[in-house]
């Protein structure tokens, strides 16, 4: 899972300096994990996301955003608590946000509902 800088976020997810309206730059559905190293629930979620990244390889991209290193990205999406997951469909729809720890089965259910992709 790649940790995104502001520059890589603009390239792979959304160029917020160029576009005012949501335009996703990815070719596959994506999940962006907003986290911090000191956050206990974030550390619990990380191995779950690793499993999801493996199971959905080539179908769903998983990225991470360090809220301490890039607070402007958290502010852009109104992230107030972490972990926070941003689910980005490729259908042109607005992304959906979830806050707090998400167990694997709930994550799989969200991927099926939002992206239409089953494990």
PDB file of N, CA and C in Angstrom:
ATOM      1  N   UNK A   1       0.847  -1.175   0.000  1.00  0.00           N
ATOM      2  CA  UNK A   1       0.000   0.000   0.000  1.00  0.00           C
ATOM      3  C   UNK A   1       0.892   1.237   0.000  1.00  0.00           C
ATOM      4  N   UNK A   2       0.637   2.063  -0.955  1.00  0.00           N
ATOM      5  CA  UNK A   2       1.443   3.272  -1.112  1.00  0.00           C
ATOM      6  C   UNK A   2       0.938   4.392  -0.204  1.00  0.00           C
ATOM      7  N   UNK A   3       1.874   5.051   0.482  1.00  0.00           N
ATOM      8  CA  UNK A   3       1.545   6.242   1.253  1.00  0.00           C
ATOM      9  C   UNK A   3       1.681   7.425   0.302  1.00  0.00           C
ATOM     10  N   UNK A   4       0.601   8.187   0.183  1.00  0.00           N
ATOM     11  CA  UNK A   4       0.567   9.271  -0.784  1.00  0.00           C
ATOM     12  C   UNK A   4       1.068  10.591  -0.201  1.00  0.00           C
ATOM     13  N   UNK A   5       1.882  11.275  -0.980  1.00  0.00           N
ATOM     14  CA  UNK A   5       2.245  12.656  -0.673  1.00  0.00           C
ATOM     15  C   UNK A   5       1.182  13.540  -1.321  1.00  0.00           C
ATOM     16  N   UNK A   6       1.269  14.816  -1.137  1.00  0.00           N
ATOM     17  CA  UNK A   6       0.311  15.708  -1.801  1.00  0.00           C
ATOM     18  C   UNK A   6       0.436  15.561  -3.311  1.00  0.00           C
ATOM     19  N   UNK A   7       1.661  15.496  -3.808  1.00  0.00           N
ATOM     20  CA  UNK A   7       1.868  15.383  -5.253  1.00  0.00           C
ATOM     21  C   UNK A   7       1.306  14.062  -5.803  1.00  0.00           C
ATOM     22  N   UNK A   8       1.607  12.942  -5.161  1.00  0.00           N
ATOM     23  CA  UNK A   8       1.096  11.664  -5.669  1.00  0.00           C
ATOM     24  C   UNK A   8      -0.416  11.561  -5.494  1.00  0.00           C
ATOM     25  N   UNK A   9      -0.959  12.220  -4.456  1.00  0.00           N
ATOM     26  CA  UNK A   9      -2.412  12.248  -4.289  1.00  0.00           C
ATOM     27  C   UNK A   9      -3.049  12.964  -5.477  1.00  0.00           C
ATOM     28  N   UNK A  10      -2.472  14.087  -5.870  1.00  0.00           N
ATOM     29  CA  UNK A  10      -3.012  14.846  -7.004  1.00  0.00           C
ATOM     30  C   UNK A  10      -2.914  14.045  -8.296  1.00  0.00           C
ATOM     31  N   UNK A  11      -1.853  13.264  -8.447  1.00  0.00           N
ATOM     32  CA  UNK A  11      -1.671  12.461  -9.663  1.00  0.00           C
ATOM     33  C   UNK A  11      -2.603  11.240  -9.697  1.00  0.00           C
ATOM     34  N   UNK A  12      -2.730  10.549  -8.571  1.00  0.00           N
ATOM     35  CA  UNK A  12      -3.436   9.265  -8.562  1.00  0.00           C
ATOM     36  C   UNK A  12      -4.895   9.337  -8.115  1.00  0.00           C
ATOM     37  N   UNK A  13      -5.242  10.365  -7.351  1.00  0.00           N
ATOM     38  CA  UNK A  13      -6.596  10.438  -6.797  1.00  0.00           C
ATOM     39  C   UNK A  13      -7.364  11.645  -7.344  1.00  0.00           C
ATOM     40  N   UNK A  14      -6.955  12.839  -6.955  1.00  0.00           N
ATOM     41  CA  UNK A  14      -7.718  14.033  -7.301  1.00  0.00           C
ATOM     42  C   UNK A  14      -6.807  15.250  -7.271  1.00  0.00           C
ATOM     43  N   UNK A  15      -6.740  15.965  -8.392  1.00  0.00           N
ATOM     44  CA  UNK A  15      -5.948  17.192  -8.448  1.00  0.00           C
ATOM     45  C   UNK A  15      -6.830  18.352  -8.005  1.00  0.00           C
ATOM     46  N   UNK A  16      -6.806  18.611  -6.704  1.00  0.00           N
ATOM     47  CA  UNK A  16      -7.685  19.617  -6.108  1.00  0.00           C
ATOM     48  C   UNK A  16      -7.266  21.041  -6.452  1.00  0.00           C
ATOM     49  N   UNK A  17      -6.050  21.217  -6.971  1.00  0.00           N
ATOM     50  CA  UNK A  17      -5.627  22.555  -7.387  1.00  0.00           C
ATOM     51  C   UNK A  17      -6.143  22.876  -8.787  1.00  0.00           C
ATOM     52  N   UNK A  18      -6.280  21.857  -9.616  1.00  0.00           N
ATOM     53  CA  UNK A  18      -6.726  22.031 -10.993  1.00  0.00           C
ATOM     54  C   UNK A  18      -8.249  21.981 -11.121  1.00  0.00           C
ATOM     55  N   UNK A  19      -8.889  21.124 -10.340  1.00  0.00           N
ATOM     56  CA  UNK A  19     -10.331  20.903 -10.460  1.00  0.00           C
ATOM     57  C   UNK A  19     -11.072  21.330  -9.196  1.00  0.00           C
ATOM     58  N   UNK A  20     -12.160  22.030  -9.382  1.00  0.00           N
ATOM     59  CA  UNK A  20     -13.019  22.388  -8.243  1.00  0.00           C
ATOM     60  C   UNK A  20     -14.045  21.287  -7.995  1.00  0.00           C
ATOM     61  N   UNK A  21     -14.521  20.669  -9.079  1.00  0.00           N
ATOM     62  CA  UNK A  21     -15.465  19.557  -8.971  1.00  0.00           C
ATOM     63  C   UNK A  21     -14.679  18.250  -8.891  1.00  0.00           C
ATOM     64  N   UNK A  22     -15.263  17.245  -8.256  1.00  0.00           N
ATOM     65  CA  UNK A  22     -14.610  15.944  -8.086  1.00  0.00           C
ATOM     66  C   UNK A  22     -14.320  15.290  -9.435  1.00  0.00           C
ATOM     67  N   UNK A  23     -13.047  14.965  -9.681  1.00  0.00           N
ATOM     68  CA  UNK A  23     -12.627  14.210 -10.854  1.00  0.00           C
ATOM     69  C   UNK A  23     -11.594  13.193 -10.369  1.00  0.00           C
ATOM     70  N   UNK A  24     -11.967  11.908 -10.392  1.00  0.00           N
ATOM     71  CA  UNK A  24     -11.061  10.851  -9.940  1.00  0.00           C
ATOM     72  C   UNK A  24     -10.063  10.521 -11.037  1.00  0.00           C
ATOM     73  N   UNK A  25      -8.788  10.484 -10.698  1.00  0.00           N
ATOM     74  CA  UNK A  25      -7.730  10.223 -11.676  1.00  0.00           C
ATOM     75  C   UNK A  25      -7.387   8.747 -11.823  1.00  0.00           C
ATOM     76  N   UNK A  26      -7.948   7.880 -10.998  1.00  0.00           N
ATOM     77  CA  UNK A  26      -7.611   6.461 -11.049  1.00  0.00           C
ATOM     78  C   UNK A  26      -8.412   5.703 -12.091  1.00  0.00           C
ATOM     79  N   UNK A  27      -7.922   4.518 -12.420  1.00  0.00           N
ATOM     80  CA  UNK A  27      -8.614   3.673 -13.395  1.00  0.00           C
ATOM     81  C   UNK A  27      -9.389   2.547 -12.708  1.00  0.00           C
ATOM     82  N   UNK A  28      -9.096   2.292 -11.418  1.00  0.00           N
ATOM     83  CA  UNK A  28      -9.805   1.262 -10.641  1.00  0.00           C
ATOM     84  C   UNK A  28     -10.393   1.923  -9.399  1.00  0.00           C
ATOM     85  N   UNK A  29     -11.438   1.315  -8.838  1.00  0.00           N
ATOM     86  CA  UNK A  29     -11.951   1.832  -7.557  1.00  0.00           C
ATOM     87  C   UNK A  29     -10.802   1.865  -6.545  1.00  0.00           C
ATOM     88  N   UNK A  30     -10.886   2.798  -5.613  1.00  0.00           N
ATOM     89  CA  UNK A  30      -9.797   2.954  -4.639  1.00  0.00           C
ATOM     90  C   UNK A  30     -10.339   3.204  -3.245  1.00  0.00           C
ATOM     91  N   UNK A  31      -9.525   2.814  -2.271  1.00  0.00           N
ATOM     92  CA  UNK A  31      -9.785   3.132  -0.869  1.00  0.00           C
ATOM     93  C   UNK A  31      -8.568   3.889  -0.377  1.00  0.00           C
ATOM     94  N   UNK A  32      -8.810   5.037   0.258  1.00  0.00           N
ATOM     95  CA  UNK A  32      -7.725   5.819   0.838  1.00  0.00           C
ATOM     96  C   UNK A  32      -7.907   5.790   2.348  1.00  0.00           C
ATOM     97  N   UNK A  33      -6.874   5.315   3.038  1.00  0.00           N
ATOM     98  CA  UNK A  33      -6.873   5.208   4.494  1.00  0.00           C
ATOM     99  C   UNK A  33      -6.167   6.429   5.078  1.00  0.00           C
ATOM    100  N   UNK A  34      -6.910   7.280   5.795  1.00  0.00           N
ATOM    101  CA  UNK A  34      -6.326   8.407   6.506  1.00  0.00           C
ATOM    102  C   UNK A  34      -5.948   7.896   7.888  1.00  0.00           C
ATOM    103  N   UNK A  35      -4.665   7.989   8.238  1.00  0.00           N
ATOM    104  CA  UNK A  35      -4.167   7.376   9.470  1.00  0.00           C
ATOM    105  C   UNK A  35      -3.069   8.237  10.097  1.00  0.00           C
ATOM    106  N   UNK A  36      -2.649   7.840  11.294  1.00  0.00           N
ATOM    107  CA  UNK A  36      -1.465   8.400  11.944  1.00  0.00           C
ATOM    108  C   UNK A  36      -0.759   7.254  12.656  1.00  0.00           C
ATOM    109  N   UNK A  37       0.556   7.338  12.736  1.00  0.00           N
ATOM    110  CA  UNK A  37       1.343   6.263  13.356  1.00  0.00           C
ATOM    111  C   UNK A  37       1.000   6.048  14.832  1.00  0.00           C
ATOM    112  N   UNK A  38       0.616   7.106  15.541  1.00  0.00           N
ATOM    113  CA  UNK A  38       0.324   7.010  16.973  1.00  0.00           C
ATOM    114  C   UNK A  38      -1.073   6.463  17.272  1.00  0.00           C
ATOM    115  N   UNK A  39      -1.896   6.304  16.256  1.00  0.00           N
ATOM    116  CA  UNK A  39      -3.309   5.935  16.412  1.00  0.00           C
ATOM    117  C   UNK A  39      -3.470   4.411  16.548  1.00  0.00           C
ATOM    118  N   UNK A  40      -3.954   3.953  17.708  1.00  0.00           N
ATOM    119  CA  UNK A  40      -4.157   2.521  17.951  1.00  0.00           C
ATOM    120  C   UNK A  40      -5.113   1.861  16.962  1.00  0.00           C
ATOM    121  N   UNK A  41      -6.327   2.411  16.782  1.00  0.00           N
ATOM    122  CA  UNK A  41      -7.249   1.804  15.815  1.00  0.00           C
ATOM    123  C   UNK A  41      -6.672   1.790  14.390  1.00  0.00           C
ATOM    124  N   UNK A  42      -5.860   2.792  14.048  1.00  0.00           N
ATOM    125  CA  UNK A  42      -5.217   2.815  12.723  1.00  0.00           C
ATOM    126  C   UNK A  42      -4.269   1.628  12.575  1.00  0.00           C
ATOM    127  N   UNK A  43      -3.516   1.349  13.641  1.00  0.00           N
ATOM    128  CA  UNK A  43      -2.584   0.206  13.615  1.00  0.00           C
ATOM    129  C   UNK A  43      -3.343  -1.113  13.535  1.00  0.00           C
ATOM    130  N   UNK A  44      -4.532  -1.176  14.130  1.00  0.00           N
ATOM    131  CA  UNK A  44      -5.359  -2.391  14.042  1.00  0.00           C
ATOM    132  C   UNK A  44      -5.921  -2.565  12.635  1.00  0.00           C
ATOM    133  N   UNK A  45      -6.229  -1.458  11.967  1.00  0.00           N
ATOM    134  CA  UNK A  45      -6.831  -1.514  10.640  1.00  0.00           C
ATOM    135  C   UNK A  45      -5.805  -1.859   9.561  1.00  0.00           C
ATOM    136  N   UNK A  46      -4.562  -1.499   9.769  1.00  0.00           N
ATOM    137  CA  UNK A  46      -3.528  -1.681   8.748  1.00  0.00           C
ATOM    138  C   UNK A  46      -3.405  -3.119   8.240  1.00  0.00           C
ATOM    139  N   UNK A  47      -3.326  -4.154   9.118  1.00  0.00           N
ATOM    140  CA  UNK A  47      -3.231  -5.518   8.585  1.00  0.00           C
ATOM    141  C   UNK A  47      -4.506  -5.965   7.855  1.00  0.00           C
ATOM    142  N   UNK A  48      -5.655  -5.437   8.260  1.00  0.00           N
ATOM    143  CA  UNK A  48      -6.910  -5.750   7.572  1.00  0.00           C
ATOM    144  C   UNK A  48      -6.837  -5.192   6.150  1.00  0.00           C
ATOM    145  N   UNK A  49      -6.351  -3.974   6.011  1.00  0.00           N
ATOM    146  CA  UNK A  49      -6.215  -3.371   4.680  1.00  0.00           C
ATOM    147  C   UNK A  49      -5.181  -4.108   3.831  1.00  0.00           C
ATOM    148  N   UNK A  50      -4.132  -4.619   4.468  1.00  0.00           N
ATOM    149  CA  UNK A  50      -3.124  -5.417   3.742  1.00  0.00           C
ATOM    150  C   UNK A  50      -3.789  -6.663   3.139  1.00  0.00           C
ATOM    151  N   UNK A  51      -4.637  -7.335   3.937  1.00  0.00           N
ATOM    152  CA  UNK A  51      -5.355  -8.523   3.446  1.00  0.00           C
ATOM    153  C   UNK A  51      -6.290  -8.150   2.293  1.00  0.00           C
ATOM    154  N   UNK A  52      -7.006  -7.051   2.457  1.00  0.00           N
ATOM    155  CA  UNK A  52      -7.935  -6.587   1.412  1.00  0.00           C
ATOM    156  C   UNK A  52      -7.151  -6.258   0.144  1.00  0.00           C
ATOM    157  N   UNK A  53      -6.013  -5.596   0.289  1.00  0.00           N
ATOM    158  CA  UNK A  53      -5.184  -5.238  -0.868  1.00  0.00           C
ATOM    159  C   UNK A  53      -4.748  -6.486  -1.635  1.00  0.00           C
ATOM    160  N   UNK A  54      -4.420  -7.550  -0.905  1.00  0.00           N
ATOM    161  CA  UNK A  54      -4.019  -8.803  -1.538  1.00  0.00           C
ATOM    162  C   UNK A  54      -5.207  -9.485  -2.218  1.00  0.00           C
ATOM    163  N   UNK A  55      -6.323  -9.581  -1.502  1.00  0.00           N
ATOM    164  CA  UNK A  55      -7.506 -10.263  -2.030  1.00  0.00           C
ATOM    165  C   UNK A  55      -8.120  -9.559  -3.247  1.00  0.00           C
ATOM    166  N   UNK A  56      -8.011  -8.246  -3.279  1.00  0.00           N
ATOM    167  CA  UNK A  56      -8.637  -7.463  -4.356  1.00  0.00           C
ATOM    168  C   UNK A  56      -7.595  -6.894  -5.323  1.00  0.00           C
ATOM    169  N   UNK A  57      -6.395  -7.459  -5.310  1.00  0.00           N
ATOM    170  CA  UNK A  57      -5.307  -6.970  -6.177  1.00  0.00           C
ATOM    171  C   UNK A  57      -5.760  -6.928  -7.635  1.00  0.00           C
ATOM    172  N   UNK A  58      -5.476  -5.815  -8.287  1.00  0.00           N
ATOM    173  CA  UNK A  58      -5.864  -5.647  -9.682  1.00  0.00           C
ATOM    174  C   UNK A  58      -7.303  -5.216  -9.881  1.00  0.00           C
ATOM    175  N   UNK A  59      -8.072  -5.162  -8.764  1.00  0.00           N
ATOM    176  CA  UNK A  59      -9.486  -4.762  -8.867  1.00  0.00           C
ATOM    177  C   UNK A  59      -9.809  -3.522  -8.033  1.00  0.00           C
ATOM    178  N   UNK A  60      -9.098  -3.373  -6.906  1.00  0.00           N
ATOM    179  CA  UNK A  60      -9.281  -2.212  -6.025  1.00  0.00           C
ATOM    180  C   UNK A  60      -7.890  -1.756  -5.579  1.00  0.00           C
ATOM    181  N   UNK A  61      -7.617  -0.463  -5.707  1.00  0.00           N
ATOM    182  CA  UNK A  61      -6.346   0.093  -5.240  1.00  0.00           C
ATOM    183  C   UNK A  61      -6.519   0.614  -3.821  1.00  0.00           C
ATOM    184  N   UNK A  62      -5.525   0.352  -2.979  1.00  0.00           N
ATOM    185  CA  UNK A  62      -5.549   0.822  -1.594  1.00  0.00           C
ATOM    186  C   UNK A  62      -4.374   1.781  -1.408  1.00  0.00           C
ATOM    187  N   UNK A  63      -4.679   2.962  -0.876  1.00  0.00           N
ATOM    188  CA  UNK A  63      -3.647   3.959  -0.606  1.00  0.00           C
ATOM    189  C   UNK A  63      -3.769   4.406   0.846  1.00  0.00           C
ATOM    190  N   UNK A  64      -2.698   5.026   1.352  1.00  0.00           N
ATOM    191  CA  UNK A  64      -2.697   5.555   2.704  1.00  0.00           C
ATOM    192  C   UNK A  64      -2.299   7.026   2.661  1.00  0.00           C
ATOM    193  N   UNK A  65      -2.872   7.806   3.574  1.00  0.00           N
ATOM    194  CA  UNK A  65      -2.503   9.209   3.736  1.00  0.00           C
ATOM    195  C   UNK A  65      -2.177   9.423   5.208  1.00  0.00           C
ATOM    196  N   UNK A  66      -0.934   9.827   5.477  1.00  0.00           N
ATOM    197  CA  UNK A  66      -0.487  10.121   6.834  1.00  0.00           C
ATOM    198  C   UNK A  66      -1.008  11.509   7.205  1.00  0.00           C
ATOM    199  N   UNK A  67      -1.968  11.555   8.129  1.00  0.00           N
ATOM    200  CA  UNK A  67      -2.606  12.821   8.479  1.00  0.00           C
ATOM    201  C   UNK A  67      -1.643  13.793   9.158  1.00  0.00           C
ATOM    202  N   UNK A  68      -0.577  13.271   9.748  1.00  0.00           N
ATOM    203  CA  UNK A  68       0.418  14.134  10.386  1.00  0.00           C
ATOM    204  C   UNK A  68       1.313  14.797   9.333  1.00  0.00           C
ATOM    205  N   UNK A  69       1.662  14.048   8.296  1.00  0.00           N
ATOM    206  CA  UNK A  69       2.567  14.553   7.259  1.00  0.00           C
ATOM    207  C   UNK A  69       1.848  15.438   6.244  1.00  0.00           C
ATOM    208  N   UNK A  70       0.566  15.152   6.004  1.00  0.00           N
ATOM    209  CA  UNK A  70      -0.186  15.906   4.991  1.00  0.00           C
ATOM    210  C   UNK A  70      -1.563  16.315   5.533  1.00  0.00           C
ATOM    211  N   UNK A  71      -1.580  17.232   6.518  1.00  0.00           N
ATOM    212  CA  UNK A  71      -2.863  17.631   7.108  1.00  0.00           C
ATOM    213  C   UNK A  71      -3.803  18.303   6.101  1.00  0.00           C
ATOM    214  N   UNK A  72      -3.239  18.885   5.033  1.00  0.00           N
ATOM    215  CA  UNK A  72      -4.103  19.537   4.048  1.00  0.00           C
ATOM    216  C   UNK A  72      -5.013  18.540   3.346  1.00  0.00           C
ATOM    217  N   UNK A  73      -4.553  17.290   3.164  1.00  0.00           N
ATOM    218  CA  UNK A  73      -5.406  16.271   2.530  1.00  0.00           C
ATOM    219  C   UNK A  73      -6.554  15.879   3.458  1.00  0.00           C
ATOM    220  N   UNK A  74      -6.277  15.793   4.742  1.00  0.00           N
ATOM    221  CA  UNK A  74      -7.339  15.500   5.712  1.00  0.00           C
ATOM    222  C   UNK A  74      -8.363  16.626   5.708  1.00  0.00           C
ATOM    223  N   UNK A  75      -7.892  17.853   5.678  1.00  0.00           N
ATOM    224  CA  UNK A  75      -8.787  19.013   5.681  1.00  0.00           C
ATOM    225  C   UNK A  75      -9.647  19.044   4.422  1.00  0.00           C
ATOM    226  N   UNK A  76      -9.073  18.652   3.305  1.00  0.00           N
ATOM    227  CA  UNK A  76      -9.784  18.650   2.028  1.00  0.00           C
ATOM    228  C   UNK A  76     -11.049  17.788   2.090  1.00  0.00           C
ATOM    229  N   UNK A  77     -10.969  16.677   2.826  1.00  0.00           N
ATOM    230  CA  UNK A  77     -12.106  15.754   2.930  1.00  0.00           C
ATOM    231  C   UNK A  77     -12.827  15.851   4.273  1.00  0.00           C
ATOM    232  N   UNK A  78     -12.463  16.825   5.083  1.00  0.00           N
ATOM    233  CA  UNK A  78     -13.149  17.031   6.360  1.00  0.00           C
ATOM    234  C   UNK A  78     -12.927  15.915   7.355  1.00  0.00           C
ATOM    235  N   UNK A  79     -11.766  15.267   7.298  1.00  0.00           N
ATOM    236  CA  UNK A  79     -11.462  14.176   8.227  1.00  0.00           C
ATOM    237  C   UNK A  79     -11.264  14.759   9.628  1.00  0.00           C
ATOM    238  N   UNK A  80     -12.104  14.325  10.566  1.00  0.00           N
ATOM    239  CA  UNK A  80     -12.023  14.828  11.938  1.00  0.00           C
ATOM    240  C   UNK A  80     -11.489  13.763  12.900  1.00  0.00           C
ATOM    241  N   UNK A  81     -11.735  12.500  12.568  1.00  0.00           N
ATOM    242  CA  UNK A  81     -11.269  11.400  13.397  1.00  0.00           C
ATOM    243  C   UNK A  81     -10.626  10.347  12.519  1.00  0.00           C
ATOM    244  N   UNK A  82      -9.667   9.635  13.085  1.00  0.00           N
ATOM    245  CA  UNK A  82      -8.985   8.585  12.317  1.00  0.00           C
ATOM    246  C   UNK A  82      -9.067   7.280  13.090  1.00  0.00           C
ATOM    247  N   UNK A  83      -8.998   6.150  12.405  1.00  0.00           N
ATOM    248  CA  UNK A  83      -8.850   6.043  10.959  1.00  0.00           C
ATOM    249  C   UNK A  83     -10.128   6.471  10.229  1.00  0.00           C
ATOM    250  N   UNK A  84      -9.924   6.960   9.026  1.00  0.00           N
ATOM    251  CA  UNK A  84     -11.036   7.303   8.146  1.00  0.00           C
ATOM    252  C   UNK A  84     -10.736   6.701   6.784  1.00  0.00           C
ATOM    253  N   UNK A  85     -11.736   6.083   6.187  1.00  0.00           N
ATOM    254  CA  UNK A  85     -11.561   5.458   4.879  1.00  0.00           C
ATOM    255  C   UNK A  85     -12.406   6.194   3.846  1.00  0.00           C
ATOM    256  N   UNK A  86     -11.774   6.528   2.741  1.00  0.00           N
ATOM    257  CA  UNK A  86     -12.446   7.170   1.623  1.00  0.00           C
ATOM    258  C   UNK A  86     -12.609   6.122   0.534  1.00  0.00           C
ATOM    259  N   UNK A  87     -13.860   5.813   0.190  1.00  0.00           N
ATOM    260  CA  UNK A  87     -14.165   4.827  -0.849  1.00  0.00           C
ATOM    261  C   UNK A  87     -14.449   5.591  -2.133  1.00  0.00           C
ATOM    262  N   UNK A  88     -13.642   5.340  -3.175  1.00  0.00           N
ATOM    263  CA  UNK A  88     -13.758   6.095  -4.412  1.00  0.00           C
ATOM    264  C   UNK A  88     -14.162   5.170  -5.560  1.00  0.00           C
ATOM    265  N   UNK A  89     -15.425   5.265  -6.002  1.00  0.00           N
ATOM    266  CA  UNK A  89     -15.853   4.460  -7.157  1.00  0.00           C
ATOM    267  C   UNK A  89     -15.353   5.090  -8.466  1.00  0.00           C
ATOM    268  N   UNK A  90     -15.293   4.296  -9.512  1.00  0.00           N
ATOM    269  CA  UNK A  90     -14.858   4.821 -10.816  1.00  0.00           C
ATOM    270  C   UNK A  90     -16.036   5.306 -11.642  1.00  0.00           C
ATOM    271  N   UNK A  91     -17.224   5.210 -11.104  1.00  0.00           N
ATOM    272  CA  UNK A  91     -18.437   5.560 -11.855  1.00  0.00           C
ATOM    273  C   UNK A  91     -18.672   7.057 -11.978  1.00  0.00           C
ATOM    274  N   UNK A  92     -17.789   7.868 -11.390  1.00  0.00           N
ATOM    275  CA  UNK A  92     -17.987   9.308 -11.427  1.00  0.00           C
ATOM    276  C   UNK A  92     -18.767   9.816 -10.227  1.00  0.00           C
ATOM    277  N   UNK A  93     -19.247   8.892  -9.393  1.00  0.00           N
ATOM    278  CA  UNK A  93     -19.956   9.294  -8.180  1.00  0.00           C
ATOM    279  C   UNK A  93     -18.979   9.900  -7.182  1.00  0.00           C
ATOM    280  N   UNK A  94     -19.528  10.695  -6.282  1.00  0.00           N
ATOM    281  CA  UNK A  94     -18.717  11.266  -5.208  1.00  0.00           C
ATOM    282  C   UNK A  94     -18.211  10.125  -4.312  1.00  0.00           C
ATOM    283  N   UNK A  95     -17.034  10.293  -3.726  1.00  0.00           N
ATOM    284  CA  UNK A  95     -16.533   9.261  -2.812  1.00  0.00           C
ATOM    285  C   UNK A  95     -17.355   9.215  -1.520  1.00  0.00           C
ATOM    286  N   UNK A  96     -17.313   8.063  -0.863  1.00  0.00           N
ATOM    287  CA  UNK A  96     -18.000   7.867   0.417  1.00  0.00           C
ATOM    288  C   UNK A  96     -16.951   7.750   1.514  1.00  0.00           C
ATOM    289  N   UNK A  97     -17.255   8.284   2.695  1.00  0.00           N
ATOM    290  CA  UNK A  97     -16.300   8.280   3.802  1.00  0.00           C
ATOM    291  C   UNK A  97     -16.839   7.455   4.956  1.00  0.00           C
ATOM    292  N   UNK A  98     -15.935   6.734   5.612  1.00  0.00           N
ATOM    293  CA  UNK A  98     -16.289   5.984   6.815  1.00  0.00           C
ATOM    294  C   UNK A  98     -15.242   6.308   7.870  1.00  0.00           C
ATOM    295  N   UNK A  99     -15.663   6.430   9.116  1.00  0.00           N
ATOM    296  CA  UNK A  99     -14.731   6.748  10.207  1.00  0.00           C
ATOM    297  C   UNK A  99     -14.670   5.606  11.204  1.00  0.00           C
ATOM    298  N   UNK A 100     -13.499   5.452  11.808  1.00  0.00           N
ATOM    299  CA  UNK A 100     -13.309   4.436  12.829  1.00  0.00           C
ATOM    300  C   UNK A 100     -12.834   3.112  12.252  1.00  0.00           C
ATOM    301  N   UNK A 101     -12.491   2.206  13.154  1.00  0.00           N
ATOM    302  CA  UNK A 101     -12.035   0.879  12.751  1.00  0.00           C
ATOM    303  C   UNK A 101     -13.162   0.138  12.043  1.00  0.00           C
ATOM    304  N   UNK A 102     -12.818  -0.530  10.944  1.00  0.00           N
ATOM    305  CA  UNK A 102     -13.794  -1.311  10.180  1.00  0.00           C
ATOM    306  C   UNK A 102     -13.299  -2.751  10.115  1.00  0.00           C
ATOM    307  N   UNK A 103     -14.081  -3.721  10.644  1.00  0.00           N
ATOM    308  CA  UNK A 103     -13.648  -5.116  10.541  1.00  0.00           C
ATOM    309  C   UNK A 103     -13.656  -5.577   9.081  1.00  0.00           C
ATOM    310  N   UNK A 104     -12.911  -6.632   8.812  1.00  0.00           N
ATOM    311  CA  UNK A 104     -12.736  -7.107   7.437  1.00  0.00           C
ATOM    312  C   UNK A 104     -14.064  -7.420   6.751  1.00  0.00           C
ATOM    313  N   UNK A 105     -14.976  -8.113   7.442  1.00  0.00           N
ATOM    314  CA  UNK A 105     -16.246  -8.463   6.787  1.00  0.00           C
ATOM    315  C   UNK A 105     -17.047  -7.213   6.423  1.00  0.00           C
ATOM    316  N   UNK A 106     -16.998  -6.180   7.252  1.00  0.00           N
ATOM    317  CA  UNK A 106     -17.698  -4.930   6.944  1.00  0.00           C
ATOM    318  C   UNK A 106     -17.037  -4.217   5.764  1.00  0.00           C
ATOM    319  N   UNK A 107     -15.719  -4.317   5.699  1.00  0.00           N
ATOM    320  CA  UNK A 107     -14.984  -3.713   4.586  1.00  0.00           C
ATOM    321  C   UNK A 107     -15.340  -4.416   3.274  1.00  0.00           C
ATOM    322  N   UNK A 108     -15.412  -5.739   3.310  1.00  0.00           N
ATOM    323  CA  UNK A 108     -15.792  -6.502   2.123  1.00  0.00           C
ATOM    324  C   UNK A 108     -17.220  -6.162   1.694  1.00  0.00           C
ATOM    325  N   UNK A 109     -18.106  -5.994   2.667  1.00  0.00           N
ATOM    326  CA  UNK A 109     -19.499  -5.635   2.367  1.00  0.00           C
ATOM    327  C   UNK A 109     -19.546  -4.244   1.716  1.00  0.00           C
ATOM    328  N   UNK A 110     -18.778  -3.303   2.241  1.00  0.00           N
ATOM    329  CA  UNK A 110     -18.738  -1.947   1.682  1.00  0.00           C
ATOM    330  C   UNK A 110     -18.191  -1.964   0.252  1.00  0.00           C
ATOM    331  N   UNK A 111     -17.164  -2.762   0.012  1.00  0.00           N
ATOM    332  CA  UNK A 111     -16.591  -2.877  -1.339  1.00  0.00           C
ATOM    333  C   UNK A 111     -17.632  -3.443  -2.293  1.00  0.00           C
ATOM    334  N   UNK A 112     -18.385  -4.436  -1.847  1.00  0.00           N
ATOM    335  CA  UNK A 112     -19.434  -5.025  -2.684  1.00  0.00           C
ATOM    336  C   UNK A 112     -20.548  -4.006  -2.973  1.00  0.00           C
ATOM    337  N   UNK A 113     -20.958  -3.264  -1.939  1.00  0.00           N
ATOM    338  CA  UNK A 113     -22.049  -2.307  -2.098  1.00  0.00           C
ATOM    339  C   UNK A 113     -21.642  -1.073  -2.903  1.00  0.00           C
ATOM    340  N   UNK A 114     -20.467  -0.514  -2.602  1.00  0.00           N
ATOM    341  CA  UNK A 114     -20.047   0.742  -3.248  1.00  0.00           C
ATOM    342  C   UNK A 114     -19.453   0.487  -4.627  1.00  0.00           C
ATOM    343  N   UNK A 115     -18.627  -0.561  -4.746  1.00  0.00           N
ATOM    344  CA  UNK A 115     -17.913  -0.812  -5.997  1.00  0.00           C
ATOM    345  C   UNK A 115     -18.544  -1.929  -6.841  1.00  0.00           C
ATOM    346  N   UNK A 116     -19.411  -2.742  -6.234  1.00  0.00           N
ATOM    347  CA  UNK A 116     -19.975  -3.882  -6.954  1.00  0.00           C
ATOM    348  C   UNK A 116     -18.966  -4.990  -7.191  1.00  0.00           C
ATOM    349  N   UNK A 117     -17.985  -5.113  -6.278  1.00  0.00           N
ATOM    350  CA  UNK A 117     -16.920  -6.116  -6.415  1.00  0.00           C
ATOM    351  C   UNK A 117     -16.969  -7.054  -5.221  1.00  0.00           C
ATOM    352  N   UNK A 118     -17.049  -8.345  -5.487  1.00  0.00           N
ATOM    353  CA  UNK A 118     -17.060  -9.350  -4.422  1.00  0.00           C
ATOM    354  C   UNK A 118     -15.674  -9.967  -4.264  1.00  0.00           C
ATOM    355  N   UNK A 119     -15.408 -10.514  -3.055  1.00  0.00           N
ATOM    356  CA  UNK A 119     -14.067 -11.103  -2.812  1.00  0.00           C
ATOM    357  C   UNK A 119     -13.720 -12.213  -3.774  1.00  0.00           C
TER     358      UNK A 119
END
